[in-house]
């Protein structure tokens, strides 16, 4: 029996995707969720939130608590999103959105600071998961498509900038809940994009032929 040649031994079989390698369009859902998380991070930055702080009976450091609860939860969730999302991005992104939207609603409808902080912590967990899985997907895909990094970074920066502006305008015109209510339709779009792309990837993997066994050489 002759050993396989060096050229054929190092070839990667074309049957099925390699572990950790994902198509570019799989980033659409996670990138939308990451942008939503960025928007919800900065939404409480604005002069109008001082009046909300007084109406809810918050202490002078209440706004720092609101901001800190979000960031602390997000910081804990980012490594989880990156580690698990490397292999199962859809399975991480869907729960992330499922935390972002209810957390936003809880923040919007909370009658006091206790539930408000819980809502911000839940929302931060969802944002951290979304940021983690988006970062690892960008690192994988960006090596093949450099423009992806700039596009995703621009979307996240846009979310960061839109948060204070939309928060200030909507609070003044419609009231405190509405800046957070905006997260609901955006989250639905992100969830649909994530679910559809995940189904497509799963269908492609199932439909691909199994790798045939190597024929023994004499």
C-alpha atoms as a PDB file:
ATOM      1  CA  UNK A   1       0.000   0.000   0.000  1.00  0.00           C
ATOM      2  CA  UNK A   2       1.462   3.330  -1.046  1.00  0.00           C
ATOM      3  CA  UNK A   3       1.119   6.327   1.283  1.00  0.00           C
ATOM      4  CA  UNK A   4      -0.947   9.256   0.020  1.00  0.00           C
ATOM      5  CA  UNK A   5       0.962  12.004  -1.686  1.00  0.00           C
ATOM      6  CA  UNK A   6       1.648  15.252   0.138  1.00  0.00           C
ATOM      7  CA  UNK A   7      -0.666  17.208  -2.148  1.00  0.00           C
ATOM      8  CA  UNK A   8      -3.694  15.022  -1.572  1.00  0.00           C
ATOM      9  CA  UNK A   9      -3.109  14.522   2.156  1.00  0.00           C
ATOM     10  CA  UNK A  10      -3.417  18.230   2.927  1.00  0.00           C
ATOM     11  CA  UNK A  11      -6.483  18.884   0.802  1.00  0.00           C
ATOM     12  CA  UNK A  12      -9.667  19.909   2.614  1.00  0.00           C
ATOM     13  CA  UNK A  13     -12.608  17.797   1.440  1.00  0.00           C
ATOM     14  CA  UNK A  14     -15.359  19.851  -0.202  1.00  0.00           C
ATOM     15  CA  UNK A  15     -18.105  18.028   1.662  1.00  0.00           C
ATOM     16  CA  UNK A  16     -19.912  20.308   4.100  1.00  0.00           C
ATOM     17  CA  UNK A  17     -18.734  23.474   5.812  1.00  0.00           C
ATOM     18  CA  UNK A  18     -15.610  23.526   7.913  1.00  0.00           C
ATOM     19  CA  UNK A  19     -16.098  24.051  11.668  1.00  0.00           C
ATOM     20  CA  UNK A  20     -16.168  27.711  12.572  1.00  0.00           C
ATOM     21  CA  UNK A  21     -16.517  28.934   8.964  1.00  0.00           C
ATOM     22  CA  UNK A  22     -19.775  30.708   8.164  1.00  0.00           C
ATOM     23  CA  UNK A  23     -21.238  32.545   5.159  1.00  0.00           C
ATOM     24  CA  UNK A  24     -21.273  36.334   5.115  1.00  0.00           C
ATOM     25  CA  UNK A  25     -25.047  36.687   5.174  1.00  0.00           C
ATOM     26  CA  UNK A  26     -25.223  34.795   8.466  1.00  0.00           C
ATOM     27  CA  UNK A  27     -24.005  38.056  10.046  1.00  0.00           C
ATOM     28  CA  UNK A  28     -27.179  39.993   9.204  1.00  0.00           C
ATOM     29  CA  UNK A  29     -29.179  38.932  12.253  1.00  0.00           C
ATOM     30  CA  UNK A  30     -26.334  39.195  14.787  1.00  0.00           C
ATOM     31  CA  UNK A  31     -25.256  42.581  13.400  1.00  0.00           C
ATOM     32  CA  UNK A  32     -28.810  43.913  13.731  1.00  0.00           C
ATOM     33  CA  UNK A  33     -28.988  42.608  17.299  1.00  0.00           C
ATOM     34  CA  UNK A  34     -25.594  44.150  18.130  1.00  0.00           C
ATOM     35  CA  UNK A  35     -26.740  47.510  16.736  1.00  0.00           C
ATOM     36  CA  UNK A  36     -29.924  47.295  18.790  1.00  0.00           C
ATOM     37  CA  UNK A  37     -27.844  46.586  21.880  1.00  0.00           C
ATOM     38  CA  UNK A  38     -25.695  49.652  21.150  1.00  0.00           C
ATOM     39  CA  UNK A  39     -28.817  51.797  20.752  1.00  0.00           C
ATOM     40  CA  UNK A  40     -30.244  50.590  24.058  1.00  0.00           C
ATOM     41  CA  UNK A  41     -26.933  51.232  25.793  1.00  0.00           C
ATOM     42  CA  UNK A  42     -26.899  54.977  25.098  1.00  0.00           C
ATOM     43  CA  UNK A  43     -30.625  55.568  25.112  1.00  0.00           C
ATOM     44  CA  UNK A  44     -30.590  56.840  28.689  1.00  0.00           C
ATOM     45  CA  UNK A  45     -27.950  59.488  27.947  1.00  0.00           C
ATOM     46  CA  UNK A  46     -29.766  62.818  27.709  1.00  0.00           C
ATOM     47  CA  UNK A  47     -30.972  65.823  29.665  1.00  0.00           C
ATOM     48  CA  UNK A  48     -34.554  64.599  29.639  1.00  0.00           C
ATOM     49  CA  UNK A  49     -33.635  61.615  31.801  1.00  0.00           C
ATOM     50  CA  UNK A  50     -33.007  63.900  34.747  1.00  0.00           C
ATOM     51  CA  UNK A  51     -36.761  64.533  34.969  1.00  0.00           C
ATOM     52  CA  UNK A  52     -37.428  60.796  34.719  1.00  0.00           C
ATOM     53  CA  UNK A  53     -34.998  60.242  37.540  1.00  0.00           C
ATOM     54  CA  UNK A  54     -36.959  62.649  39.732  1.00  0.00           C
ATOM     55  CA  UNK A  55     -40.342  61.203  38.748  1.00  0.00           C
ATOM     56  CA  UNK A  56     -39.241  57.686  39.744  1.00  0.00           C
ATOM     57  CA  UNK A  57     -37.737  58.865  42.994  1.00  0.00           C
ATOM     58  CA  UNK A  58     -34.199  57.843  42.065  1.00  0.00           C
ATOM     59  CA  UNK A  59     -31.226  58.978  44.117  1.00  0.00           C
ATOM     60  CA  UNK A  60     -28.710  61.331  42.591  1.00  0.00           C
ATOM     61  CA  UNK A  61     -26.644  58.400  41.285  1.00  0.00           C
ATOM     62  CA  UNK A  62     -29.673  56.655  39.767  1.00  0.00           C
ATOM     63  CA  UNK A  63     -28.628  57.222  36.185  1.00  0.00           C
ATOM     64  CA  UNK A  64     -25.217  55.723  36.898  1.00  0.00           C
ATOM     65  CA  UNK A  65     -26.944  52.650  38.328  1.00  0.00           C
ATOM     66  CA  UNK A  66     -29.036  52.316  35.170  1.00  0.00           C
ATOM     67  CA  UNK A  67     -25.972  52.598  32.961  1.00  0.00           C
ATOM     68  CA  UNK A  68     -23.857  50.355  35.173  1.00  0.00           C
ATOM     69  CA  UNK A  69     -26.455  47.560  35.370  1.00  0.00           C
ATOM     70  CA  UNK A  70     -26.482  47.393  31.589  1.00  0.00           C
ATOM     71  CA  UNK A  71     -22.703  47.434  31.161  1.00  0.00           C
ATOM     72  CA  UNK A  72     -22.011  44.904  33.922  1.00  0.00           C
ATOM     73  CA  UNK A  73     -24.474  42.378  32.517  1.00  0.00           C
ATOM     74  CA  UNK A  74     -23.152  42.931  28.999  1.00  0.00           C
ATOM     75  CA  UNK A  75     -19.543  42.458  30.103  1.00  0.00           C
ATOM     76  CA  UNK A  76     -20.431  39.101  31.671  1.00  0.00           C
ATOM     77  CA  UNK A  77     -22.295  37.925  28.575  1.00  0.00           C
ATOM     78  CA  UNK A  78     -19.793  38.939  25.873  1.00  0.00           C
ATOM     79  CA  UNK A  79     -17.361  36.008  26.476  1.00  0.00           C
ATOM     80  CA  UNK A  80     -20.258  33.540  26.450  1.00  0.00           C
ATOM     81  CA  UNK A  81     -21.551  34.939  23.169  1.00  0.00           C
ATOM     82  CA  UNK A  82     -18.091  34.763  21.611  1.00  0.00           C
ATOM     83  CA  UNK A  83     -17.245  31.235  22.778  1.00  0.00           C
ATOM     84  CA  UNK A  84     -20.574  29.597  21.966  1.00  0.00           C
ATOM     85  CA  UNK A  85     -21.341  31.776  18.948  1.00  0.00           C
ATOM     86  CA  UNK A  86     -18.195  30.623  17.192  1.00  0.00           C
ATOM     87  CA  UNK A  87     -19.884  27.278  16.573  1.00  0.00           C
ATOM     88  CA  UNK A  88     -23.607  28.000  16.973  1.00  0.00           C
ATOM     89  CA  UNK A  89     -24.227  31.675  16.050  1.00  0.00           C
ATOM     90  CA  UNK A  90     -27.957  31.283  15.480  1.00  0.00           C
ATOM     91  CA  UNK A  91     -28.434  29.461  18.789  1.00  0.00           C
ATOM     92  CA  UNK A  92     -26.799  32.428  20.569  1.00  0.00           C
ATOM     93  CA  UNK A  93     -28.368  35.287  18.599  1.00  0.00           C
ATOM     94  CA  UNK A  94     -31.983  34.182  19.046  1.00  0.00           C
ATOM     95  CA  UNK A  95     -31.773  34.118  22.882  1.00  0.00           C
ATOM     96  CA  UNK A  96     -29.909  37.436  22.752  1.00  0.00           C
ATOM     97  CA  UNK A  97     -32.816  39.075  20.922  1.00  0.00           C
ATOM     98  CA  UNK A  98     -35.243  37.282  23.224  1.00  0.00           C
ATOM     99  CA  UNK A  99     -33.556  39.096  26.110  1.00  0.00           C
ATOM    100  CA  UNK A 100     -33.215  42.467  24.392  1.00  0.00           C
ATOM    101  CA  UNK A 101     -36.891  42.939  23.557  1.00  0.00           C
ATOM    102  CA  UNK A 102     -38.523  41.851  26.875  1.00  0.00           C
ATOM    103  CA  UNK A 103     -35.802  43.679  28.791  1.00  0.00           C
ATOM    104  CA  UNK A 104     -36.634  46.847  26.887  1.00  0.00           C
ATOM    105  CA  UNK A 105     -40.344  46.433  27.576  1.00  0.00           C
ATOM    106  CA  UNK A 106     -39.684  45.860  31.266  1.00  0.00           C
ATOM    107  CA  UNK A 107     -37.554  48.993  31.353  1.00  0.00           C
ATOM    108  CA  UNK A 108     -40.216  50.986  29.542  1.00  0.00           C
ATOM    109  CA  UNK A 109     -43.124  49.911  31.746  1.00  0.00           C
ATOM    110  CA  UNK A 110     -41.389  49.662  35.141  1.00  0.00           C
ATOM    111  CA  UNK A 111     -43.118  51.784  37.803  1.00  0.00           C
ATOM    112  CA  UNK A 112     -39.997  52.170  39.940  1.00  0.00           C
ATOM    113  CA  UNK A 113     -36.251  51.903  40.033  1.00  0.00           C
ATOM    114  CA  UNK A 114     -36.124  48.231  41.102  1.00  0.00           C
ATOM    115  CA  UNK A 115     -37.826  46.828  38.009  1.00  0.00           C
ATOM    116  CA  UNK A 116     -36.068  49.430  35.907  1.00  0.00           C
ATOM    117  CA  UNK A 117     -32.691  48.080  36.995  1.00  0.00           C
ATOM    118  CA  UNK A 118     -33.830  44.495  36.382  1.00  0.00           C
ATOM    119  CA  UNK A 119     -34.957  45.460  32.891  1.00  0.00           C
ATOM    120  CA  UNK A 120     -31.640  47.125  32.157  1.00  0.00           C
ATOM    121  CA  UNK A 121     -29.702  44.104  33.440  1.00  0.00           C
ATOM    122  CA  UNK A 122     -31.730  41.713  31.274  1.00  0.00           C
ATOM    123  CA  UNK A 123     -31.252  43.961  28.263  1.00  0.00           C
ATOM    124  CA  UNK A 124     -27.525  44.123  28.954  1.00  0.00           C
ATOM    125  CA  UNK A 125     -27.279  40.329  28.933  1.00  0.00           C
ATOM    126  CA  UNK A 126     -28.896  40.215  25.514  1.00  0.00           C
ATOM    127  CA  UNK A 127     -26.627  42.963  24.209  1.00  0.00           C
ATOM    128  CA  UNK A 128     -23.512  41.211  25.508  1.00  0.00           C
ATOM    129  CA  UNK A 129     -24.453  37.943  23.816  1.00  0.00           C
ATOM    130  CA  UNK A 130     -25.132  39.786  20.553  1.00  0.00           C
ATOM    131  CA  UNK A 131     -21.841  41.684  20.724  1.00  0.00           C
ATOM    132  CA  UNK A 132     -19.881  38.526  21.437  1.00  0.00           C
ATOM    133  CA  UNK A 133     -21.300  36.449  18.607  1.00  0.00           C
ATOM    134  CA  UNK A 134     -21.081  39.383  16.183  1.00  0.00           C
ATOM    135  CA  UNK A 135     -17.424  40.008  17.042  1.00  0.00           C
ATOM    136  CA  UNK A 136     -16.405  36.392  16.480  1.00  0.00           C
ATOM    137  CA  UNK A 137     -18.348  36.189  13.201  1.00  0.00           C
ATOM    138  CA  UNK A 138     -16.749  39.421  11.975  1.00  0.00           C
ATOM    139  CA  UNK A 139     -13.321  38.012  12.825  1.00  0.00           C
ATOM    140  CA  UNK A 140     -14.057  34.870  10.817  1.00  0.00           C
ATOM    141  CA  UNK A 141     -15.783  36.465   7.845  1.00  0.00           C
ATOM    142  CA  UNK A 142     -13.661  39.626   7.784  1.00  0.00           C
ATOM    143  CA  UNK A 143     -10.575  37.608   6.916  1.00  0.00           C
ATOM    144  CA  UNK A 144     -12.276  36.740   3.618  1.00  0.00           C
ATOM    145  CA  UNK A 145     -14.277  39.957   3.095  1.00  0.00           C
ATOM    146  CA  UNK A 146     -12.560  43.034   4.519  1.00  0.00           C
ATOM    147  CA  UNK A 147     -15.552  45.313   3.897  1.00  0.00           C
ATOM    148  CA  UNK A 148     -17.644  43.330   6.380  1.00  0.00           C
ATOM    149  CA  UNK A 149     -15.736  44.732   9.360  1.00  0.00           C
ATOM    150  CA  UNK A 150     -16.348  48.336   8.316  1.00  0.00           C
ATOM    151  CA  UNK A 151     -20.018  47.715   7.577  1.00  0.00           C
ATOM    152  CA  UNK A 152     -20.773  46.052  10.913  1.00  0.00           C
ATOM    153  CA  UNK A 153     -18.726  48.588  12.871  1.00  0.00           C
ATOM    154  CA  UNK A 154     -20.592  51.401  11.137  1.00  0.00           C
ATOM    155  CA  UNK A 155     -23.956  49.871  12.046  1.00  0.00           C
ATOM    156  CA  UNK A 156     -22.979  49.562  15.715  1.00  0.00           C
ATOM    157  CA  UNK A 157     -21.630  53.125  15.830  1.00  0.00           C
ATOM    158  CA  UNK A 158     -24.875  54.326  14.229  1.00  0.00           C
ATOM    159  CA  UNK A 159     -26.812  52.591  16.994  1.00  0.00           C
ATOM    160  CA  UNK A 160     -24.651  54.254  19.631  1.00  0.00           C
ATOM    161  CA  UNK A 161     -25.250  57.676  18.099  1.00  0.00           C
ATOM    162  CA  UNK A 162     -28.956  57.137  17.509  1.00  0.00           C
ATOM    163  CA  UNK A 163     -29.641  56.196  21.130  1.00  0.00           C
ATOM    164  CA  UNK A 164     -29.282  59.640  22.759  1.00  0.00           C
ATOM    165  CA  UNK A 165     -30.980  61.451  19.858  1.00  0.00           C
ATOM    166  CA  UNK A 166     -33.984  59.148  19.586  1.00  0.00           C
ATOM    167  CA  UNK A 167     -34.240  58.892  23.361  1.00  0.00           C
ATOM    168  CA  UNK A 168     -34.372  62.650  23.805  1.00  0.00           C
ATOM    169  CA  UNK A 169     -36.863  63.256  20.989  1.00  0.00           C
ATOM    170  CA  UNK A 170     -39.235  60.418  21.851  1.00  0.00           C
ATOM    171  CA  UNK A 171     -39.207  61.140  25.588  1.00  0.00           C
ATOM    172  CA  UNK A 172     -40.102  64.781  24.984  1.00  0.00           C
ATOM    173  CA  UNK A 173     -42.808  64.108  22.395  1.00  0.00           C
ATOM    174  CA  UNK A 174     -44.372  60.792  23.454  1.00  0.00           C
ATOM    175  CA  UNK A 175     -43.108  59.918  26.934  1.00  0.00           C
ATOM    176  CA  UNK A 176     -40.611  57.686  28.701  1.00  0.00           C
ATOM    177  CA  UNK A 177     -41.700  54.249  27.361  1.00  0.00           C
ATOM    178  CA  UNK A 178     -41.419  55.052  23.674  1.00  0.00           C
ATOM    179  CA  UNK A 179     -37.659  55.049  23.125  1.00  0.00           C
ATOM    180  CA  UNK A 180     -37.639  51.481  24.474  1.00  0.00           C
ATOM    181  CA  UNK A 181     -40.744  50.512  22.498  1.00  0.00           C
ATOM    182  CA  UNK A 182     -38.751  51.231  19.350  1.00  0.00           C
ATOM    183  CA  UNK A 183     -36.691  48.156  20.167  1.00  0.00           C
ATOM    184  CA  UNK A 184     -39.678  45.849  19.593  1.00  0.00           C
ATOM    185  CA  UNK A 185     -40.089  46.145  15.784  1.00  0.00           C
ATOM    186  CA  UNK A 186     -36.321  46.316  15.322  1.00  0.00           C
ATOM    187  CA  UNK A 187     -35.927  43.187  17.425  1.00  0.00           C
ATOM    188  CA  UNK A 188     -38.601  41.373  15.419  1.00  0.00           C
ATOM    189  CA  UNK A 189     -36.737  42.146  12.187  1.00  0.00           C
ATOM    190  CA  UNK A 190     -33.459  40.940  13.705  1.00  0.00           C
ATOM    191  CA  UNK A 191     -35.088  37.740  14.959  1.00  0.00           C
ATOM    192  CA  UNK A 192     -36.653  36.980  11.571  1.00  0.00           C
ATOM    193  CA  UNK A 193     -33.340  37.575   9.788  1.00  0.00           C
ATOM    194  CA  UNK A 194     -31.538  35.327  12.265  1.00  0.00           C
ATOM    195  CA  UNK A 195     -34.118  32.547  12.065  1.00  0.00           C
ATOM    196  CA  UNK A 196     -34.265  32.539   8.253  1.00  0.00           C
ATOM    197  CA  UNK A 197     -30.473  32.515   7.856  1.00  0.00           C
ATOM    198  CA  UNK A 198     -30.163  29.746  10.447  1.00  0.00           C
ATOM    199  CA  UNK A 199     -32.740  27.619   8.633  1.00  0.00           C
ATOM    200  CA  UNK A 200     -30.955  28.145   5.326  1.00  0.00           C
ATOM    201  CA  UNK A 201     -27.606  27.085   6.799  1.00  0.00           C
ATOM    202  CA  UNK A 202     -29.156  24.016   8.413  1.00  0.00           C
ATOM    203  CA  UNK A 203     -30.891  23.061   5.160  1.00  0.00           C
ATOM    204  CA  UNK A 204     -27.647  23.388   3.217  1.00  0.00           C
ATOM    205  CA  UNK A 205     -25.795  21.177   5.668  1.00  0.00           C
ATOM    206  CA  UNK A 206     -28.487  18.488   5.613  1.00  0.00           C
ATOM    207  CA  UNK A 207     -28.687  18.484   1.818  1.00  0.00           C
ATOM    208  CA  UNK A 208     -24.943  18.147   1.279  1.00  0.00           C
ATOM    209  CA  UNK A 209     -23.722  14.630   0.461  1.00  0.00           C
ATOM    210  CA  UNK A 210     -21.817  12.680   3.052  1.00  0.00           C
ATOM    211  CA  UNK A 211     -18.067  12.427   2.561  1.00  0.00           C
ATOM    212  CA  UNK A 212     -17.264   9.214   0.703  1.00  0.00           C
ATOM    213  CA  UNK A 213     -14.659   6.911   2.232  1.00  0.00           C
ATOM    214  CA  UNK A 214     -11.197   7.127   0.752  1.00  0.00           C
ATOM    215  CA  UNK A 215     -10.429   4.337  -1.679  1.00  0.00           C
ATOM    216  CA  UNK A 216      -7.499   2.181  -0.569  1.00  0.00           C
ATOM    217  CA  UNK A 217      -4.514   2.295  -2.868  1.00  0.00           C
ATOM    218  CA  UNK A 218      -2.649  -0.842  -3.735  1.00  0.00           C
END
